PDB file of N, CA and C in Angstrom:
ATOM      1  N   UNK A   1      65.015  93.244  96.960  1.00  0.00           N
ATOM      2  CA  UNK A   1      65.880  94.127  97.722  1.00  0.00           C
ATOM      3  C   UNK A   1      66.992  93.313  98.379  1.00  0.00           C
ATOM      4  N   UNK A   2      68.207  93.803  98.344  1.00  0.00           N
ATOM      5  CA  UNK A   2      69.344  93.105  98.934  1.00  0.00           C
ATOM      6  C   UNK A   2      69.309  93.206 100.442  1.00  0.00           C
ATOM      7  N   UNK A   3      69.751  92.165 101.082  1.00  0.00           N
ATOM      8  CA  UNK A   3      69.808  92.138 102.527  1.00  0.00           C
ATOM      9  C   UNK A   3      71.257  92.339 102.938  1.00  0.00           C
ATOM     10  N   UNK A   4      71.506  93.322 103.789  1.00  0.00           N
ATOM     11  CA  UNK A   4      72.868  93.610 104.220  1.00  0.00           C
ATOM     12  C   UNK A   4      73.280  92.606 105.280  1.00  0.00           C
ATOM     13  N   UNK A   5      74.478  92.066 105.132  1.00  0.00           N
ATOM     14  CA  UNK A   5      75.005  91.110 106.095  1.00  0.00           C
ATOM     15  C   UNK A   5      75.727  91.854 107.208  1.00  0.00           C
ATOM     16  N   UNK A   6      76.139  91.110 108.198  1.00  0.00           N
ATOM     17  CA  UNK A   6      76.910  91.715 109.279  1.00  0.00           C
ATOM     18  C   UNK A   6      78.401  91.732 108.963  1.00  0.00           C
ATOM     19  N   UNK A   7      78.743  91.582 107.692  1.00  0.00           N
ATOM     20  CA  UNK A   7      80.133  91.660 107.258  1.00  0.00           C
ATOM     21  C   UNK A   7      80.291  92.926 106.427  1.00  0.00           C
ATOM     22  N   UNK A   8      81.243  93.795 106.779  1.00  0.00           N
ATOM     23  CA  UNK A   8      81.419  95.044 106.035  1.00  0.00           C
ATOM     24  C   UNK A   8      81.675  94.809 104.550  1.00  0.00           C
ATOM     25  N   UNK A   9      81.020  95.602 103.707  1.00  0.00           N
ATOM     26  CA  UNK A   9      81.261  95.551 102.264  1.00  0.00           C
ATOM     27  C   UNK A   9      80.655  94.352 101.584  1.00  0.00           C
ATOM     28  N   UNK A  10      79.686  93.705 102.228  1.00  0.00           N
ATOM     29  CA  UNK A  10      79.127  92.497 101.638  1.00  0.00           C
ATOM     30  C   UNK A  10      77.610  92.509 101.734  1.00  0.00           C
ATOM     31  N   UNK A  11      76.964  91.990 100.731  1.00  0.00           N
ATOM     32  CA  UNK A  11      75.520  91.867 100.698  1.00  0.00           C
ATOM     33  C   UNK A  11      75.189  90.389 100.666  1.00  0.00           C
ATOM     34  N   UNK A  12      74.220  89.960 101.490  1.00  0.00           N
ATOM     35  CA  UNK A  12      73.844  88.542 101.490  1.00  0.00           C
ATOM     36  C   UNK A  12      73.419  88.138 100.084  1.00  0.00           C
ATOM     37  N   UNK A  13      73.962  87.036  99.604  1.00  0.00           N
ATOM     38  CA  UNK A  13      73.620  86.558  98.274  1.00  0.00           C
ATOM     39  C   UNK A  13      74.509  87.137  97.188  1.00  0.00           C
ATOM     40  N   UNK A  14      75.139  88.274  97.413  1.00  0.00           N
ATOM     41  CA  UNK A  14      76.033  88.894  96.434  1.00  0.00           C
ATOM     42  C   UNK A  14      77.475  88.659  96.837  1.00  0.00           C
ATOM     43  N   UNK A  15      78.396  89.020  95.955  1.00  0.00           N
ATOM     44  CA  UNK A  15      79.812  88.882  96.308  1.00  0.00           C
ATOM     45  C   UNK A  15      80.331  90.215  96.822  1.00  0.00           C
ATOM     46  N   UNK A  16      81.332  90.149  97.676  1.00  0.00           N
ATOM     47  CA  UNK A  16      81.948  91.344  98.232  1.00  0.00           C
ATOM     48  C   UNK A  16      82.984  91.910  97.276  1.00  0.00           C
ATOM     49  N   UNK A  17      83.706  92.880  97.761  1.00  0.00           N
ATOM     50  CA  UNK A  17      84.758  93.520  96.968  1.00  0.00           C
ATOM     51  C   UNK A  17      85.910  92.545  96.734  1.00  0.00           C
ATOM     52  N   UNK A  18      86.581  92.694  95.619  1.00  0.00           N
ATOM     53  CA  UNK A  18      87.744  91.863  95.314  1.00  0.00           C
ATOM     54  C   UNK A  18      88.919  92.356  96.154  1.00  0.00           C
ATOM     55  N   UNK A  19      89.583  91.416  96.782  1.00  0.00           N
ATOM     56  CA  UNK A  19      90.724  91.739  97.636  1.00  0.00           C
ATOM     57  C   UNK A  19      91.939  90.938  97.197  1.00  0.00           C
ATOM     58  N   UNK A  20      93.104  91.420  97.544  1.00  0.00           N
ATOM     59  CA  UNK A  20      94.338  90.689  97.275  1.00  0.00           C
ATOM     60  C   UNK A  20      94.363  89.436  98.152  1.00  0.00           C
ATOM     61  N   UNK A  21      94.778  88.317  97.588  1.00  0.00           N
ATOM     62  CA  UNK A  21      94.831  87.064  98.338  1.00  0.00           C
ATOM     63  C   UNK A  21      95.831  87.171  99.486  1.00  0.00           C
ATOM     64  N   UNK A  22      95.520  86.493 100.573  1.00  0.00           N
ATOM     65  CA  UNK A  22      96.391  86.482 101.741  1.00  0.00           C
ATOM     66  C   UNK A  22      96.766  85.036 102.070  1.00  0.00           C
ATOM     67  N   UNK A  23      97.483  84.847 103.161  1.00  0.00           N
ATOM     68  CA  UNK A  23      97.957  83.510 103.536  1.00  0.00           C
ATOM     69  C   UNK A  23      96.792  82.553 103.789  1.00  0.00           C
ATOM     70  N   UNK A  24      95.702  83.037 104.369  1.00  0.00           N
ATOM     71  CA  UNK A  24      94.541  82.185 104.641  1.00  0.00           C
ATOM     72  C   UNK A  24      93.933  81.654 103.346  1.00  0.00           C
ATOM     73  N   UNK A  25      93.809  82.523 102.339  1.00  0.00           N
ATOM     74  CA  UNK A  25      93.243  82.113 101.052  1.00  0.00           C
ATOM     75  C   UNK A  25      94.202  81.160 100.334  1.00  0.00           C
ATOM     76  N   UNK A  26      95.499  81.412 100.412  1.00  0.00           N
ATOM     77  CA  UNK A  26      96.476  80.502  99.801  1.00  0.00           C
ATOM     78  C   UNK A  26      96.386  79.122 100.447  1.00  0.00           C
ATOM     79  N   UNK A  27      96.223  79.080 101.761  1.00  0.00           N
ATOM     80  CA  UNK A  27      96.108  77.801 102.463  1.00  0.00           C
ATOM     81  C   UNK A  27      94.866  77.045 101.987  1.00  0.00           C
ATOM     82  N   UNK A  28      93.758  77.760 101.778  1.00  0.00           N
ATOM     83  CA  UNK A  28      92.542  77.133 101.263  1.00  0.00           C
ATOM     84  C   UNK A  28      92.804  76.525  99.888  1.00  0.00           C
ATOM     85  N   UNK A  29      93.492  77.283  99.033  1.00  0.00           N
ATOM     86  CA  UNK A  29      93.815  76.795  97.686  1.00  0.00           C
ATOM     87  C   UNK A  29      94.688  75.550  97.753  1.00  0.00           C
ATOM     88  N   UNK A  30      95.679  75.574  98.638  1.00  0.00           N
ATOM     89  CA  UNK A  30      96.562  74.421  98.791  1.00  0.00           C
ATOM     90  C   UNK A  30      95.768  73.179  99.197  1.00  0.00           C
ATOM     91  N   UNK A  31      94.753  73.378 100.050  1.00  0.00           N
ATOM     92  CA  UNK A  31      93.957  72.250 100.536  1.00  0.00           C
ATOM     93  C   UNK A  31      93.067  71.637  99.458  1.00  0.00           C
ATOM     94  N   UNK A  32      92.658  72.426  98.467  1.00  0.00           N
ATOM     95  CA  UNK A  32      91.773  71.887  97.414  1.00  0.00           C
ATOM     96  C   UNK A  32      92.510  71.628  96.101  1.00  0.00           C
ATOM     97  N   UNK A  33      93.830  71.822  96.081  1.00  0.00           N
ATOM     98  CA  UNK A  33      94.602  71.714  94.836  1.00  0.00           C
ATOM     99  C   UNK A  33      94.405  70.363  94.143  1.00  0.00           C
ATOM    100  N   UNK A  34      94.457  69.267  94.872  1.00  0.00           N
ATOM    101  CA  UNK A  34      94.301  67.944  94.254  1.00  0.00           C
ATOM    102  C   UNK A  34      92.928  67.802  93.597  1.00  0.00           C
ATOM    103  N   UNK A  35      91.890  68.318  94.247  1.00  0.00           N
ATOM    104  CA  UNK A  35      90.548  68.276  93.667  1.00  0.00           C
ATOM    105  C   UNK A  35      90.479  69.120  92.390  1.00  0.00           C
ATOM    106  N   UNK A  36      91.153  70.274  92.403  1.00  0.00           N
ATOM    107  CA  UNK A  36      91.188  71.156  91.232  1.00  0.00           C
ATOM    108  C   UNK A  36      91.881  70.440  90.079  1.00  0.00           C
ATOM    109  N   UNK A  37      93.005  69.794  90.368  1.00  0.00           N
ATOM    110  CA  UNK A  37      93.741  69.083  89.325  1.00  0.00           C
ATOM    111  C   UNK A  37      92.897  67.950  88.733  1.00  0.00           C
ATOM    112  N   UNK A  38      92.136  67.273  89.582  1.00  0.00           N
ATOM    113  CA  UNK A  38      91.242  66.211  89.085  1.00  0.00           C
ATOM    114  C   UNK A  38      90.198  66.784  88.139  1.00  0.00           C
ATOM    115  N   UNK A  39      89.548  67.883  88.559  1.00  0.00           N
ATOM    116  CA  UNK A  39      88.502  68.492  87.722  1.00  0.00           C
ATOM    117  C   UNK A  39      89.070  69.056  86.429  1.00  0.00           C
ATOM    118  N   UNK A  40      90.271  69.640  86.495  1.00  0.00           N
ATOM    119  CA  UNK A  40      90.887  70.255  85.319  1.00  0.00           C
ATOM    120  C   UNK A  40      91.533  69.204  84.413  1.00  0.00           C
ATOM    121  N   UNK A  41      91.841  68.048  84.980  1.00  0.00           N
ATOM    122  CA  UNK A  41      92.479  66.995  84.202  1.00  0.00           C
ATOM    123  C   UNK A  41      93.945  67.239  83.945  1.00  0.00           C
ATOM    124  N   UNK A  42      94.595  68.019  84.803  1.00  0.00           N
ATOM    125  CA  UNK A  42      96.036  68.233  84.671  1.00  0.00           C
ATOM    126  C   UNK A  42      96.640  68.677  85.987  1.00  0.00           C
ATOM    127  N   UNK A  43      97.970  68.533  86.069  1.00  0.00           N
ATOM    128  CA  UNK A  43      98.728  68.927  87.255  1.00  0.00           C
ATOM    129  C   UNK A  43      99.231  70.357  87.074  1.00  0.00           C
ATOM    130  N   UNK A  44      99.277  71.093  88.171  1.00  0.00           N
ATOM    131  CA  UNK A  44      99.764  72.469  88.146  1.00  0.00           C
ATOM    132  C   UNK A  44     101.016  72.588  89.008  1.00  0.00           C
ATOM    133  N   UNK A  45     102.125  73.011  88.389  1.00  0.00           N
ATOM    134  CA  UNK A  45     103.358  73.232  89.134  1.00  0.00           C
ATOM    135  C   UNK A  45     103.212  74.498  89.969  1.00  0.00           C
ATOM    136  N   UNK A  46     102.659  75.541  89.352  1.00  0.00           N
ATOM    137  CA  UNK A  46     102.395  76.799  90.048  1.00  0.00           C
ATOM    138  C   UNK A  46     100.927  76.789  90.476  1.00  0.00           C
ATOM    139  N   UNK A  47     100.655  77.293  91.696  1.00  0.00           N
ATOM    140  CA  UNK A  47      99.280  77.347  92.194  1.00  0.00           C
ATOM    141  C   UNK A  47      99.214  78.466  93.227  1.00  0.00           C
ATOM    142  N   UNK A  48      99.229  79.712  92.715  1.00  0.00           N
ATOM    143  CA  UNK A  48      99.352  80.890  93.578  1.00  0.00           C
ATOM    144  C   UNK A  48      98.055  81.699  93.587  1.00  0.00           C
ATOM    145  N   UNK A  49      97.442  81.820  94.767  1.00  0.00           N
ATOM    146  CA  UNK A  49      96.240  82.641  94.916  1.00  0.00           C
ATOM    147  C   UNK A  49      96.615  84.099  94.694  1.00  0.00           C
ATOM    148  N   UNK A  50      95.849  84.789  93.822  1.00  0.00           N
ATOM    149  CA  UNK A  50      96.139  86.179  93.471  1.00  0.00           C
ATOM    150  C   UNK A  50      95.138  87.140  94.108  1.00  0.00           C
ATOM    151  N   UNK A  51      93.854  86.849  93.957  1.00  0.00           N
ATOM    152  CA  UNK A  51      92.802  87.732  94.465  1.00  0.00           C
ATOM    153  C   UNK A  51      91.563  86.895  94.763  1.00  0.00           C
ATOM    154  N   UNK A  52      90.640  87.475  95.543  1.00  0.00           N
ATOM    155  CA  UNK A  52      89.426  86.739  95.876  1.00  0.00           C
ATOM    156  C   UNK A  52      88.292  87.682  96.231  1.00  0.00           C
ATOM    157  N   UNK A  53      87.108  87.114  96.174  1.00  0.00           N
ATOM    158  CA  UNK A  53      85.890  87.787  96.591  1.00  0.00           C
ATOM    159  C   UNK A  53      85.081  86.747  97.363  1.00  0.00           C
ATOM    160  N   UNK A  54      84.210  87.199  98.245  1.00  0.00           N
ATOM    161  CA  UNK A  54      83.427  86.256  99.035  1.00  0.00           C
ATOM    162  C   UNK A  54      81.935  86.496  98.868  1.00  0.00           C
ATOM    163  N   UNK A  55      81.182  85.465  99.180  1.00  0.00           N
ATOM    164  CA  UNK A  55      79.727  85.524  99.155  1.00  0.00           C
ATOM    165  C   UNK A  55      79.230  84.839 100.424  1.00  0.00           C
ATOM    166  N   UNK A  56      78.439  85.569 101.219  1.00  0.00           N
ATOM    167  CA  UNK A  56      77.879  84.998 102.441  1.00  0.00           C
ATOM    168  C   UNK A  56      76.691  84.121 102.086  1.00  0.00           C
ATOM    169  N   UNK A  57      76.760  82.870 102.495  1.00  0.00           N
ATOM    170  CA  UNK A  57      75.664  81.916 102.348  1.00  0.00           C
ATOM    171  C   UNK A  57      75.561  81.240 103.718  1.00  0.00           C
ATOM    172  N   UNK A  58      75.148  80.010 103.814  1.00  0.00           N
ATOM    173  CA  UNK A  58      75.185  79.296 105.094  1.00  0.00           C
ATOM    174  C   UNK A  58      76.614  78.798 105.277  1.00  0.00           C
ATOM    175  N   UNK A  59      77.531  79.731 105.357  1.00  0.00           N
ATOM    176  CA  UNK A  59      78.972  79.548 105.316  1.00  0.00           C
ATOM    177  C   UNK A  59      79.475  80.657 104.410  1.00  0.00           C
ATOM    178  N   UNK A  60      80.566  80.436 103.702  1.00  0.00           N
ATOM    179  CA  UNK A  60      81.111  81.444 102.798  1.00  0.00           C
ATOM    180  C   UNK A  60      81.607  80.790 101.524  1.00  0.00           C
ATOM    181  N   UNK A  61      81.193  81.345 100.381  1.00  0.00           N
ATOM    182  CA  UNK A  61      81.772  80.957  99.098  1.00  0.00           C
ATOM    183  C   UNK A  61      82.929  81.901  98.815  1.00  0.00           C
ATOM    184  N   UNK A  62      84.066  81.339  98.454  1.00  0.00           N
ATOM    185  CA  UNK A  62      85.238  82.120  98.060  1.00  0.00           C
ATOM    186  C   UNK A  62      85.423  81.954  96.563  1.00  0.00           C
ATOM    187  N   UNK A  63      85.452  83.058  95.846  1.00  0.00           N
ATOM    188  CA  UNK A  63      85.735  83.063  94.416  1.00  0.00           C
ATOM    189  C   UNK A  63      87.176  83.538  94.302  1.00  0.00           C
ATOM    190  N   UNK A  64      88.064  82.649  93.855  1.00  0.00           N
ATOM    191  CA  UNK A  64      89.506  82.895  93.937  1.00  0.00           C
ATOM    192  C   UNK A  64      90.156  82.805  92.561  1.00  0.00           C
ATOM    193  N   UNK A  65      90.959  83.823  92.234  1.00  0.00           N
ATOM    194  CA  UNK A  65      91.781  83.792  91.017  1.00  0.00           C
ATOM    195  C   UNK A  65      93.120  83.173  91.403  1.00  0.00           C
ATOM    196  N   UNK A  66      93.516  82.111  90.683  1.00  0.00           N
ATOM    197  CA  UNK A  66      94.752  81.388  90.980  1.00  0.00           C
ATOM    198  C   UNK A  66      95.633  81.386  89.741  1.00  0.00           C
ATOM    199  N   UNK A  67      96.898  81.768  89.910  1.00  0.00           N
ATOM    200  CA  UNK A  67      97.854  81.709  88.809  1.00  0.00           C
ATOM    201  C   UNK A  67      98.422  80.306  88.759  1.00  0.00           C
ATOM    202  N   UNK A  68      98.308  79.671  87.577  1.00  0.00           N
ATOM    203  CA  UNK A  68      98.775  78.293  87.415  1.00  0.00           C
ATOM    204  C   UNK A  68      99.886  78.164  86.369  1.00  0.00           C
ATOM    205  N   UNK A  69     100.316  79.274  85.817  1.00  0.00           N
ATOM    206  CA  UNK A  69     101.387  79.308  84.820  1.00  0.00           C
ATOM    207  C   UNK A  69     101.791  80.755  84.612  1.00  0.00           C
ATOM    208  N   UNK A  70     102.799  80.965  83.788  1.00  0.00           N
ATOM    209  CA  UNK A  70     103.290  82.329  83.568  1.00  0.00           C
ATOM    210  C   UNK A  70     102.162  83.285  83.174  1.00  0.00           C
ATOM    211  N   UNK A  71     101.294  82.846  82.255  1.00  0.00           N
ATOM    212  CA  UNK A  71     100.175  83.679  81.800  1.00  0.00           C
ATOM    213  C   UNK A  71      98.843  82.945  81.935  1.00  0.00           C
ATOM    214  N   UNK A  72      98.826  81.879  82.716  1.00  0.00           N
ATOM    215  CA  UNK A  72      97.627  81.050  82.842  1.00  0.00           C
ATOM    216  C   UNK A  72      97.007  81.180  84.228  1.00  0.00           C
ATOM    217  N   UNK A  73      95.695  81.326  84.231  1.00  0.00           N
ATOM    218  CA  UNK A  73      94.947  81.492  85.470  1.00  0.00           C
ATOM    219  C   UNK A  73      93.707  80.619  85.441  1.00  0.00           C
ATOM    220  N   UNK A  74      93.220  80.284  86.620  1.00  0.00           N
ATOM    221  CA  UNK A  74      91.935  79.624  86.760  1.00  0.00           C
ATOM    222  C   UNK A  74      91.170  80.340  87.866  1.00  0.00           C
ATOM    223  N   UNK A  75      89.863  80.175  87.879  1.00  0.00           N
ATOM    224  CA  UNK A  75      89.033  80.708  88.952  1.00  0.00           C
ATOM    225  C   UNK A  75      88.420  79.536  89.695  1.00  0.00           C
ATOM    226  N   UNK A  76      88.405  79.636  91.011  1.00  0.00           N
ATOM    227  CA  UNK A  76      87.834  78.597  91.860  1.00  0.00           C
ATOM    228  C   UNK A  76      86.652  79.142  92.631  1.00  0.00           C
ATOM    229  N   UNK A  77      85.681  78.296  92.896  1.00  0.00           N
ATOM    230  CA  UNK A  77      84.629  78.590  93.855  1.00  0.00           C
ATOM    231  C   UNK A  77      84.772  77.551  94.959  1.00  0.00           C
ATOM    232  N   UNK A  78      85.215  78.009  96.132  1.00  0.00           N
ATOM    233  CA  UNK A  78      85.453  77.129  97.275  1.00  0.00           C
ATOM    234  C   UNK A  78      84.493  77.511  98.392  1.00  0.00           C
ATOM    235  N   UNK A  79      83.795  76.526  98.932  1.00  0.00           N
ATOM    236  CA  UNK A  79      82.862  76.766 100.026  1.00  0.00           C
ATOM    237  C   UNK A  79      83.533  76.435 101.355  1.00  0.00           C
ATOM    238  N   UNK A  80      83.391  77.353 102.317  1.00  0.00           N
ATOM    239  CA  UNK A  80      83.876  77.086 103.679  1.00  0.00           C
ATOM    240  C   UNK A  80      82.671  77.109 104.606  1.00  0.00           C
ATOM    241  N   UNK A  81      82.449  76.010 105.313  1.00  0.00           N
ATOM    242  CA  UNK A  81      81.301  75.897 106.211  1.00  0.00           C
ATOM    243  C   UNK A  81      81.461  76.819 107.419  1.00  0.00           C
ATOM    244  N   UNK A  82      80.415  76.928 108.187  1.00  0.00           N
ATOM    245  CA  UNK A  82      80.428  77.736 109.401  1.00  0.00           C
ATOM    246  C   UNK A  82      81.278  77.071 110.483  1.00  0.00           C
ATOM    247  N   UNK A  83      81.648  77.846 111.480  1.00  0.00           N
ATOM    248  CA  UNK A  83      82.434  77.329 112.605  1.00  0.00           C
ATOM    249  C   UNK A  83      81.755  76.124 113.241  1.00  0.00           C
ATOM    250  N   UNK A  84      80.433  76.184 113.375  1.00  0.00           N
ATOM    251  CA  UNK A  84      79.689  75.077 113.991  1.00  0.00           C
ATOM    252  C   UNK A  84      79.838  73.767 113.212  1.00  0.00           C
ATOM    253  N   UNK A  85      80.210  73.872 111.929  1.00  0.00           N
ATOM    254  CA  UNK A  85      80.459  72.688 111.094  1.00  0.00           C
ATOM    255  C   UNK A  85      81.953  72.445 110.881  1.00  0.00           C
ATOM    256  N   UNK A  86      82.784  73.147 111.630  1.00  0.00           N
ATOM    257  CA  UNK A  86      84.227  72.918 111.590  1.00  0.00           C
ATOM    258  C   UNK A  86      84.982  73.619 110.483  1.00  0.00           C
ATOM    259  N   UNK A  87      84.381  74.647 109.870  1.00  0.00           N
ATOM    260  CA  UNK A  87      85.048  75.383 108.784  1.00  0.00           C
ATOM    261  C   UNK A  87      85.561  74.444 107.698  1.00  0.00           C
ATOM    262  N   UNK A  88      84.800  73.420 107.359  1.00  0.00           N
ATOM    263  CA  UNK A  88      85.205  72.465 106.318  1.00  0.00           C
ATOM    264  C   UNK A  88      85.216  73.130 104.952  1.00  0.00           C
ATOM    265  N   UNK A  89      86.179  72.741 104.130  1.00  0.00           N
ATOM    266  CA  UNK A  89      86.308  73.279 102.769  1.00  0.00           C
ATOM    267  C   UNK A  89      85.814  72.271 101.746  1.00  0.00           C
ATOM    268  N   UNK A  90      85.177  72.786 100.702  1.00  0.00           N
ATOM    269  CA  UNK A  90      84.834  71.920  99.576  1.00  0.00           C
ATOM    270  C   UNK A  90      84.917  72.743  98.290  1.00  0.00           C
ATOM    271  N   UNK A  91      85.472  72.126  97.279  1.00  0.00           N
ATOM    272  CA  UNK A  91      85.574  72.764  95.969  1.00  0.00           C
ATOM    273  C   UNK A  91      84.231  72.613  95.268  1.00  0.00           C
ATOM    274  N   UNK A  92      83.619  73.742  94.904  1.00  0.00           N
ATOM    275  CA  UNK A  92      82.332  73.693  94.208  1.00  0.00           C
ATOM    276  C   UNK A  92      82.510  73.657  92.698  1.00  0.00           C
ATOM    277  N   UNK A  93      83.275  74.607  92.153  1.00  0.00           N
ATOM    278  CA  UNK A  93      83.417  74.729  90.694  1.00  0.00           C
ATOM    279  C   UNK A  93      84.782  75.316  90.358  1.00  0.00           C
ATOM    280  N   UNK A  94      85.180  75.115  89.110  1.00  0.00           N
ATOM    281  CA  UNK A  94      86.382  75.780  88.589  1.00  0.00           C
ATOM    282  C   UNK A  94      86.070  76.331  87.205  1.00  0.00           C
ATOM    283  N   UNK A  95      86.792  77.375  86.834  1.00  0.00           N
ATOM    284  CA  UNK A  95      86.785  77.904  85.471  1.00  0.00           C
ATOM    285  C   UNK A  95      88.231  77.927  85.007  1.00  0.00           C
ATOM    286  N   UNK A  96      88.498  77.300  83.869  1.00  0.00           N
ATOM    287  CA  UNK A  96      89.858  77.260  83.332  1.00  0.00           C
ATOM    288  C   UNK A  96      89.992  78.281  82.208  1.00  0.00           C
ATOM    289  N   UNK A  97      91.178  78.370  81.652  1.00  0.00           N
ATOM    290  CA  UNK A  97      91.474  79.275  80.520  1.00  0.00           C
ATOM    291  C   UNK A  97      91.152  80.720  80.841  1.00  0.00           C
ATOM    292  N   UNK A  98      91.575  81.182  81.999  1.00  0.00           N
ATOM    293  CA  UNK A  98      91.384  82.570  82.405  1.00  0.00           C
ATOM    294  C   UNK A  98      92.691  83.332  82.216  1.00  0.00           C
ATOM    295  N   UNK A  99      92.578  84.659  82.174  1.00  0.00           N
ATOM    296  CA  UNK A  99      93.764  85.514  82.067  1.00  0.00           C
ATOM    297  C   UNK A  99      93.861  86.395  83.305  1.00  0.00           C
ATOM    298  N   UNK A 100      94.958  87.104  83.421  1.00  0.00           N
ATOM    299  CA  UNK A 100      95.137  88.006  84.565  1.00  0.00           C
ATOM    300  C   UNK A 100      94.109  89.132  84.545  1.00  0.00           C
ATOM    301  N   UNK A 101      93.551  89.424  83.371  1.00  0.00           N
ATOM    302  CA  UNK A 101      92.586  90.512  83.225  1.00  0.00           C
ATOM    303  C   UNK A 101      91.142  90.110  83.498  1.00  0.00           C
ATOM    304  N   UNK A 102      90.851  88.821  83.515  1.00  0.00           N
ATOM    305  CA  UNK A 102      89.467  88.367  83.732  1.00  0.00           C
ATOM    306  C   UNK A 102      89.030  88.708  85.152  1.00  0.00           C
ATOM    307  N   UNK A 103      87.884  89.377  85.286  1.00  0.00           N
ATOM    308  CA  UNK A 103      87.409  89.740  86.618  1.00  0.00           C
ATOM    309  C   UNK A 103      86.901  88.513  87.385  1.00  0.00           C
ATOM    310  N   UNK A 104      86.994  88.593  88.684  1.00  0.00           N
ATOM    311  CA  UNK A 104      86.452  87.541  89.540  1.00  0.00           C
ATOM    312  C   UNK A 104      84.975  87.838  89.704  1.00  0.00           C
ATOM    313  N   UNK A 105      84.136  86.896  89.271  1.00  0.00           N
ATOM    314  CA  UNK A 105      82.692  87.072  89.310  1.00  0.00           C
ATOM    315  C   UNK A 105      82.049  85.799  89.823  1.00  0.00           C
ATOM    316  N   UNK A 106      80.800  85.930  90.226  1.00  0.00           N
ATOM    317  CA  UNK A 106      80.024  84.770  90.631  1.00  0.00           C
ATOM    318  C   UNK A 106      79.897  83.806  89.445  1.00  0.00           C
ATOM    319  N   UNK A 107      80.061  82.541  89.682  1.00  0.00           N
ATOM    320  CA  UNK A 107      79.825  81.524  88.636  1.00  0.00           C
ATOM    321  C   UNK A 107      79.336  80.247  89.275  1.00  0.00           C
TER     322      UNK A 107
END
């Protein structure tokens, strides 16, 4: 049985609804861009957060769709720690070769 979190529209362990990216999510992407480029093995001129979903854990996992070219997208899984740990960011995983139509899902 799923456990409801104290965050609207979210279930503990599951991902929430997909939302349009905002300035906070773009800032997170900007902070992990160098790590993403290392994992992907290439540099990205464009790096625009498009949409995201979250997962409540001991902090928050952000699943983010990022546009990296005219028709090229990647998905990121970025962990943000709790306030008590200073809201530190860490890049967990990336998925490359995505399209604008690929849904944001847990990975």
